[in-house]
Amino acid sequence: MKKQNSKFLLRLLQSISSILMKEVDPDFLLELLQISSAVISLVLVSPTVGLIAGGVAVYCLLDKSKDDDRKQQ
């Protein structure tokens, strides 16, 4: 189980670093801001729900960025 978590964290860090190394699309930043404000609101109402929503949001954004990379290639 710990190996799975460390592999997931490694993939997450690699994806985030690859995103930060590229030129960032303004639409992506706007979407990230909207999602961040929604997650922060959820954390204030219910921390458990906010953390789960934050995890799902990060996963979806990373998945979307991978799809965008494939389309560009």
PDB file of N, CA and C in Angstrom:
ATOM      1  N   MET A   1       0.824  -1.194   0.000  1.00  0.00           N
ATOM      2  CA  MET A   1       0.000   0.000   0.000  1.00  0.00           C
ATOM      3  C   MET A   1       0.867   1.257   0.000  1.00  0.00           C
ATOM      4  N   LYS A   2       1.966   1.232   0.765  1.00  0.00           N
ATOM      5  CA  LYS A   2       2.831   2.412   0.800  1.00  0.00           C
ATOM      6  C   LYS A   2       3.492   2.645  -0.555  1.00  0.00           C
ATOM      7  N   LYS A   3       3.814   1.555  -1.273  1.00  0.00           N
ATOM      8  CA  LYS A   3       4.416   1.720  -2.593  1.00  0.00           C
ATOM      9  C   LYS A   3       3.449   2.384  -3.554  1.00  0.00           C
ATOM     10  N   GLN A   4       2.161   2.017  -3.463  1.00  0.00           N
ATOM     11  CA  GLN A   4       1.167   2.643  -4.331  1.00  0.00           C
ATOM     12  C   GLN A   4       1.082   4.124  -4.043  1.00  0.00           C
ATOM     13  N   ASN A   5       1.055   4.491  -2.759  1.00  0.00           N
ATOM     14  CA  ASN A   5       0.964   5.899  -2.390  1.00  0.00           C
ATOM     15  C   ASN A   5       2.189   6.667  -2.858  1.00  0.00           C
ATOM     16  N   SER A   6       3.366   6.078  -2.701  1.00  0.00           N
ATOM     17  CA  SER A   6       4.573   6.786  -3.126  1.00  0.00           C
ATOM     18  C   SER A   6       4.630   6.913  -4.646  1.00  0.00           C
ATOM     19  N   LYS A   7       4.160   5.897  -5.374  1.00  0.00           N
ATOM     20  CA  LYS A   7       4.124   5.994  -6.830  1.00  0.00           C
ATOM     21  C   LYS A   7       3.140   7.065  -7.276  1.00  0.00           C
ATOM     22  N   PHE A   8       1.976   7.125  -6.604  1.00  0.00           N
ATOM     23  CA  PHE A   8       0.985   8.136  -6.943  1.00  0.00           C
ATOM     24  C   PHE A   8       1.545   9.529  -6.682  1.00  0.00           C
ATOM     25  N   LEU A   9       2.192   9.714  -5.536  1.00  0.00           N
ATOM     26  CA  LEU A   9       2.768  11.021  -5.211  1.00  0.00           C
ATOM     27  C   LEU A   9       3.867  11.393  -6.194  1.00  0.00           C
ATOM     28  N   LEU A  10       4.656  10.423  -6.600  1.00  0.00           N
ATOM     29  CA  LEU A  10       5.715  10.687  -7.574  1.00  0.00           C
ATOM     30  C   LEU A  10       5.113  11.112  -8.912  1.00  0.00           C
ATOM     31  N   ARG A  11       4.073  10.409  -9.373  1.00  0.00           N
ATOM     32  CA  ARG A  11       3.408  10.793 -10.622  1.00  0.00           C
ATOM     33  C   ARG A  11       2.771  12.168 -10.504  1.00  0.00           C
ATOM     34  N   LEU A  12       2.179  12.448  -9.342  1.00  0.00           N
ATOM     35  CA  LEU A  12       1.561  13.746  -9.122  1.00  0.00           C
ATOM     36  C   LEU A  12       2.603  14.858  -9.189  1.00  0.00           C
ATOM     37  N   LEU A  13       3.732  14.674  -8.521  1.00  0.00           N
ATOM     38  CA  LEU A  13       4.791  15.680  -8.548  1.00  0.00           C
ATOM     39  C   LEU A  13       5.373  15.850  -9.949  1.00  0.00           C
ATOM     40  N   GLN A  14       5.525  14.752 -10.669  1.00  0.00           N
ATOM     41  CA  GLN A  14       6.046  14.842 -12.034  1.00  0.00           C
ATOM     42  C   GLN A  14       5.077  15.599 -12.938  1.00  0.00           C
ATOM     43  N   SER A  15       3.801  15.335 -12.770  1.00  0.00           N
ATOM     44  CA  SER A  15       2.803  16.028 -13.590  1.00  0.00           C
ATOM     45  C   SER A  15       2.762  17.507 -13.268  1.00  0.00           C
ATOM     46  N   ILE A  16       2.802  17.829 -11.973  1.00  0.00           N
ATOM     47  CA  ILE A  16       2.774  19.232 -11.568  1.00  0.00           C
ATOM     48  C   ILE A  16       4.011  19.955 -12.080  1.00  0.00           C
ATOM     49  N   SER A  17       5.173  19.319 -11.974  1.00  0.00           N
ATOM     50  CA  SER A  17       6.395  19.978 -12.439  1.00  0.00           C
ATOM     51  C   SER A  17       6.381  20.159 -13.958  1.00  0.00           C
ATOM     52  N   SER A  18       5.817  19.181 -14.685  1.00  0.00           N
ATOM     53  CA  SER A  18       5.754  19.345 -16.140  1.00  0.00           C
ATOM     54  C   SER A  18       4.782  20.458 -16.518  1.00  0.00           C
ATOM     55  N   ILE A  19       3.711  20.609 -15.742  1.00  0.00           N
ATOM     56  CA  ILE A  19       2.762  21.688 -15.991  1.00  0.00           C
ATOM     57  C   ILE A  19       3.430  23.034 -15.732  1.00  0.00           C
ATOM     58  N   LEU A  20       4.203  23.114 -14.664  1.00  0.00           N
ATOM     59  CA  LEU A  20       4.840  24.376 -14.312  1.00  0.00           C
ATOM     60  C   LEU A  20       5.959  24.753 -15.277  1.00  0.00           C
ATOM     61  N   MET A  21       6.542  23.778 -15.950  1.00  0.00           N
ATOM     62  CA  MET A  21       7.629  24.060 -16.879  1.00  0.00           C
ATOM     63  C   MET A  21       7.111  24.593 -18.215  1.00  0.00           C
ATOM     64  N   LYS A  22       5.834  24.371 -18.497  1.00  0.00           N
ATOM     65  CA  LYS A  22       5.260  24.833 -19.764  1.00  0.00           C
ATOM     66  C   LYS A  22       4.667  26.228 -19.594  1.00  0.00           C
ATOM     67  N   GLU A  23       4.349  26.798 -20.727  1.00  0.00           N
ATOM     68  CA  GLU A  23       3.603  28.043 -20.710  1.00  0.00           C
ATOM     69  C   GLU A  23       2.175  27.704 -20.296  1.00  0.00           C
ATOM     70  N   VAL A  24       1.638  28.443 -19.353  1.00  0.00           N
ATOM     71  CA  VAL A  24       0.332  28.120 -18.801  1.00  0.00           C
ATOM     72  C   VAL A  24      -0.757  28.851 -19.573  1.00  0.00           C
ATOM     73  N   ASP A  25      -1.772  28.099 -19.932  1.00  0.00           N
ATOM     74  CA  ASP A  25      -2.917  28.633 -20.664  1.00  0.00           C
ATOM     75  C   ASP A  25      -3.791  29.452 -19.707  1.00  0.00           C
ATOM     76  N   PRO A  26      -4.183  30.659 -20.084  1.00  0.00           N
ATOM     77  CA  PRO A  26      -5.025  31.478 -19.202  1.00  0.00           C
ATOM     78  C   PRO A  26      -6.350  30.815 -18.844  1.00  0.00           C
ATOM     79  N   ASP A  27      -6.916  30.053 -19.773  1.00  0.00           N
ATOM     80  CA  ASP A  27      -8.168  29.348 -19.467  1.00  0.00           C
ATOM     81  C   ASP A  27      -7.954  28.299 -18.389  1.00  0.00           C
ATOM     82  N   PHE A  28      -6.804  27.641 -18.428  1.00  0.00           N
ATOM     83  CA  PHE A  28      -6.480  26.651 -17.402  1.00  0.00           C
ATOM     84  C   PHE A  28      -6.343  27.318 -16.035  1.00  0.00           C
ATOM     85  N   LEU A  29      -5.693  28.478 -16.013  1.00  0.00           N
ATOM     86  CA  LEU A  29      -5.555  29.195 -14.741  1.00  0.00           C
ATOM     87  C   LEU A  29      -6.899  29.635 -14.186  1.00  0.00           C
ATOM     88  N   LEU A  30      -7.776  30.082 -15.058  1.00  0.00           N
ATOM     89  CA  LEU A  30      -9.112  30.484 -14.627  1.00  0.00           C
ATOM     90  C   LEU A  30      -9.877  29.291 -14.063  1.00  0.00           C
ATOM     91  N   GLU A  31      -9.786  28.165 -14.743  1.00  0.00           N
ATOM     92  CA  GLU A  31     -10.452  26.954 -14.260  1.00  0.00           C
ATOM     93  C   GLU A  31      -9.863  26.515 -12.923  1.00  0.00           C
ATOM     94  N   LEU A  32      -8.564  26.592 -12.790  1.00  0.00           N
ATOM     95  CA  LEU A  32      -7.907  26.233 -11.532  1.00  0.00           C
ATOM     96  C   LEU A  32      -8.355  27.147 -10.398  1.00  0.00           C
ATOM     97  N   LEU A  33      -8.485  28.423 -10.673  1.00  0.00           N
ATOM     98  CA  LEU A  33      -8.958  29.366  -9.666  1.00  0.00           C
ATOM     99  C   LEU A  33     -10.387  29.064  -9.233  1.00  0.00           C
ATOM    100  N   GLN A  34     -11.253  28.758 -10.185  1.00  0.00           N
ATOM    101  CA  GLN A  34     -12.632  28.428  -9.863  1.00  0.00           C
ATOM    102  C   GLN A  34     -12.725  27.170  -9.007  1.00  0.00           C
ATOM    103  N   ILE A  35     -11.966  26.167  -9.381  1.00  0.00           N
ATOM    104  CA  ILE A  35     -11.976  24.917  -8.624  1.00  0.00           C
ATOM    105  C   ILE A  35     -11.409  25.139  -7.231  1.00  0.00           C
ATOM    106  N   SER A  36     -10.338  25.926  -7.140  1.00  0.00           N
ATOM    107  CA  SER A  36      -9.718  26.194  -5.840  1.00  0.00           C
ATOM    108  C   SER A  36     -10.680  26.910  -4.909  1.00  0.00           C
ATOM    109  N   SER A  37     -11.409  27.887  -5.423  1.00  0.00           N
ATOM    110  CA  SER A  37     -12.341  28.609  -4.563  1.00  0.00           C
ATOM    111  C   SER A  37     -13.485  27.703  -4.115  1.00  0.00           C
ATOM    112  N   ALA A  38     -13.938  26.804  -4.988  1.00  0.00           N
ATOM    113  CA  ALA A  38     -14.987  25.862  -4.594  1.00  0.00           C
ATOM    114  C   ALA A  38     -14.488  24.894  -3.526  1.00  0.00           C
ATOM    115  N   VAL A  39     -13.266  24.397  -3.696  1.00  0.00           N
ATOM    116  CA  VAL A  39     -12.708  23.462  -2.715  1.00  0.00           C
ATOM    117  C   VAL A  39     -12.491  24.158  -1.374  1.00  0.00           C
ATOM    118  N   ILE A  40     -12.000  25.390  -1.394  1.00  0.00           N
ATOM    119  CA  ILE A  40     -11.802  26.132  -0.151  1.00  0.00           C
ATOM    120  C   ILE A  40     -13.138  26.345   0.558  1.00  0.00           C
ATOM    121  N   SER A  41     -14.175  26.656  -0.191  1.00  0.00           N
ATOM    122  CA  SER A  41     -15.503  26.817   0.403  1.00  0.00           C
ATOM    123  C   SER A  41     -15.969  25.510   1.040  1.00  0.00           C
ATOM    124  N   LEU A  42     -15.742  24.402   0.351  1.00  0.00           N
ATOM    125  CA  LEU A  42     -16.142  23.105   0.910  1.00  0.00           C
ATOM    126  C   LEU A  42     -15.344  22.753   2.157  1.00  0.00           C
ATOM    127  N   VAL A  43     -14.059  23.096   2.179  1.00  0.00           N
ATOM    128  CA  VAL A  43     -13.226  22.820   3.354  1.00  0.00           C
ATOM    129  C   VAL A  43     -13.750  23.600   4.557  1.00  0.00           C
ATOM    130  N   LEU A  44     -14.185  24.822   4.320  1.00  0.00           N
ATOM    131  CA  LEU A  44     -14.708  25.626   5.417  1.00  0.00           C
ATOM    132  C   LEU A  44     -16.017  25.063   5.959  1.00  0.00           C
ATOM    133  N   VAL A  45     -16.838  24.484   5.108  1.00  0.00           N
ATOM    134  CA  VAL A  45     -18.107  23.910   5.545  1.00  0.00           C
ATOM    135  C   VAL A  45     -17.879  22.541   6.191  1.00  0.00           C
ATOM    136  N   SER A  46     -17.154  21.675   5.503  1.00  0.00           N
ATOM    137  CA  SER A  46     -16.879  20.331   6.000  1.00  0.00           C
ATOM    138  C   SER A  46     -15.484  19.915   5.533  1.00  0.00           C
ATOM    139  N   PRO A  47     -14.530  19.851   6.449  1.00  0.00           N
ATOM    140  CA  PRO A  47     -13.154  19.521   6.045  1.00  0.00           C
ATOM    141  C   PRO A  47     -13.024  18.186   5.309  1.00  0.00           C
ATOM    142  N   THR A  48     -13.770  17.190   5.722  1.00  0.00           N
ATOM    143  CA  THR A  48     -13.673  15.881   5.067  1.00  0.00           C
ATOM    144  C   THR A  48     -14.131  15.963   3.622  1.00  0.00           C
ATOM    145  N   VAL A  49     -15.270  16.569   3.399  1.00  0.00           N
ATOM    146  CA  VAL A  49     -15.799  16.714   2.042  1.00  0.00           C
ATOM    147  C   VAL A  49     -14.860  17.580   1.204  1.00  0.00           C
ATOM    148  N   GLY A  50     -14.305  18.632   1.793  1.00  0.00           N
ATOM    149  CA  GLY A  50     -13.385  19.501   1.087  1.00  0.00           C
ATOM    150  C   GLY A  50     -12.121  18.790   0.652  1.00  0.00           C
ATOM    151  N   LEU A  51     -11.578  17.954   1.524  1.00  0.00           N
ATOM    152  CA  LEU A  51     -10.368  17.211   1.173  1.00  0.00           C
ATOM    153  C   LEU A  51     -10.641  16.198   0.067  1.00  0.00           C
ATOM    154  N   ILE A  52     -11.777  15.533   0.143  1.00  0.00           N
ATOM    155  CA  ILE A  52     -12.124  14.571  -0.909  1.00  0.00           C
ATOM    156  C   ILE A  52     -12.329  15.301  -2.229  1.00  0.00           C
ATOM    157  N   ALA A  53     -13.047  16.409  -2.196  1.00  0.00           N
ATOM    158  CA  ALA A  53     -13.280  17.186  -3.420  1.00  0.00           C
ATOM    159  C   ALA A  53     -11.966  17.721  -3.981  1.00  0.00           C
ATOM    160  N   GLY A  54     -11.061  18.123  -3.103  1.00  0.00           N
ATOM    161  CA  GLY A  54      -9.757  18.601  -3.553  1.00  0.00           C
ATOM    162  C   GLY A  54      -8.968  17.515  -4.255  1.00  0.00           C
ATOM    163  N   GLY A  55      -8.987  16.320  -3.708  1.00  0.00           N
ATOM    164  CA  GLY A  55      -8.299  15.196  -4.341  1.00  0.00           C
ATOM    165  C   GLY A  55      -8.872  14.867  -5.706  1.00  0.00           C
ATOM    166  N   VAL A  56     -10.196  14.864  -5.788  1.00  0.00           N
ATOM    167  CA  VAL A  56     -10.853  14.594  -7.068  1.00  0.00           C
ATOM    168  C   VAL A  56     -10.532  15.698  -8.074  1.00  0.00           C
ATOM    169  N   ALA A  57     -10.522  16.937  -7.618  1.00  0.00           N
ATOM    170  CA  ALA A  57     -10.230  18.062  -8.510  1.00  0.00           C
ATOM    171  C   ALA A  57      -8.802  17.976  -9.054  1.00  0.00           C
ATOM    172  N   VAL A  58      -7.854  17.650  -8.197  1.00  0.00           N
ATOM    173  CA  VAL A  58      -6.460  17.518  -8.641  1.00  0.00           C
ATOM    174  C   VAL A  58      -6.341  16.393  -9.662  1.00  0.00           C
ATOM    175  N   TYR A  59      -6.986  15.272  -9.376  1.00  0.00           N
ATOM    176  CA  TYR A  59      -6.940  14.139 -10.305  1.00  0.00           C
ATOM    177  C   TYR A  59      -7.519  14.531 -11.667  1.00  0.00           C
ATOM    178  N   CYS A  60      -8.662  15.201 -11.655  1.00  0.00           N
ATOM    179  CA  CYS A  60      -9.313  15.601 -12.916  1.00  0.00           C
ATOM    180  C   CYS A  60      -8.460  16.596 -13.699  1.00  0.00           C
ATOM    181  N   LEU A  61      -7.850  17.543 -12.999  1.00  0.00           N
ATOM    182  CA  LEU A  61      -6.994  18.516 -13.692  1.00  0.00           C
ATOM    183  C   LEU A  61      -5.768  17.849 -14.307  1.00  0.00           C
ATOM    184  N   LEU A  62      -5.174  16.908 -13.578  1.00  0.00           N
ATOM    185  CA  LEU A  62      -4.016  16.196 -14.118  1.00  0.00           C
ATOM    186  C   LEU A  62      -4.412  15.346 -15.317  1.00  0.00           C
ATOM    187  N   ASP A  63      -5.562  14.700 -15.225  1.00  0.00           N
ATOM    188  CA  ASP A  63      -6.041  13.883 -16.336  1.00  0.00           C
ATOM    189  C   ASP A  63      -6.330  14.752 -17.556  1.00  0.00           C
ATOM    190  N   LYS A  64      -6.919  15.912 -17.321  1.00  0.00           N
ATOM    191  CA  LYS A  64      -7.209  16.829 -18.425  1.00  0.00           C
ATOM    192  C   LYS A  64      -5.924  17.337 -19.070  1.00  0.00           C
ATOM    193  N   SER A  65      -4.916  17.627 -18.251  1.00  0.00           N
ATOM    194  CA  SER A  65      -3.656  18.113 -18.817  1.00  0.00           C
ATOM    195  C   SER A  65      -2.972  17.027 -19.647  1.00  0.00           C
ATOM    196  N   LYS A  66      -3.099  15.754 -19.230  1.00  0.00           N
ATOM    197  CA  LYS A  66      -2.541  14.664 -20.025  1.00  0.00           C
ATOM    198  C   LYS A  66      -3.258  14.562 -21.368  1.00  0.00           C
ATOM    199  N   ASP A  67      -4.583  14.697 -21.357  1.00  0.00           N
ATOM    200  CA  ASP A  67      -5.345  14.656 -22.601  1.00  0.00           C
ATOM    201  C   ASP A  67      -4.942  15.798 -23.523  1.00  0.00           C
ATOM    202  N   ASP A  68      -4.750  16.983 -22.952  1.00  0.00           N
ATOM    203  CA  ASP A  68      -4.334  18.131 -23.753  1.00  0.00           C
ATOM    204  C   ASP A  68      -2.954  17.907 -24.355  1.00  0.00           C
ATOM    205  N   ASP A  69      -2.047  17.281 -23.592  1.00  0.00           N
ATOM    206  CA  ASP A  69      -0.717  16.982 -24.110  1.00  0.00           C
ATOM    207  C   ASP A  69      -0.790  16.020 -25.282  1.00  0.00           C
ATOM    208  N   ARG A  70      -1.653  15.020 -25.171  1.00  0.00           N
ATOM    209  CA  ARG A  70      -1.788  14.043 -26.264  1.00  0.00           C
ATOM    210  C   ARG A  70      -2.344  14.702 -27.511  1.00  0.00           C
ATOM    211  N   LYS A  71      -3.265  15.631 -27.340  1.00  0.00           N
ATOM    212  CA  LYS A  71      -3.847  16.304 -28.494  1.00  0.00           C
ATOM    213  C   LYS A  71      -2.826  17.190 -29.195  1.00  0.00           C
ATOM    214  N   GLN A  72      -1.918  17.793 -28.424  1.00  0.00           N
ATOM    215  CA  GLN A  72      -0.909  18.664 -29.005  1.00  0.00           C
ATOM    216  C   GLN A  72       0.144  17.885 -29.768  1.00  0.00           C
ATOM    217  N   GLN A  73       0.384  16.653 -29.374  1.00  0.00           N
ATOM    218  CA  GLN A  73       1.410  15.844 -30.043  1.00  0.00           C
ATOM    219  C   GLN A  73       0.820  15.274 -31.270  1.00  0.00           C
TER     220      GLN A  73
END
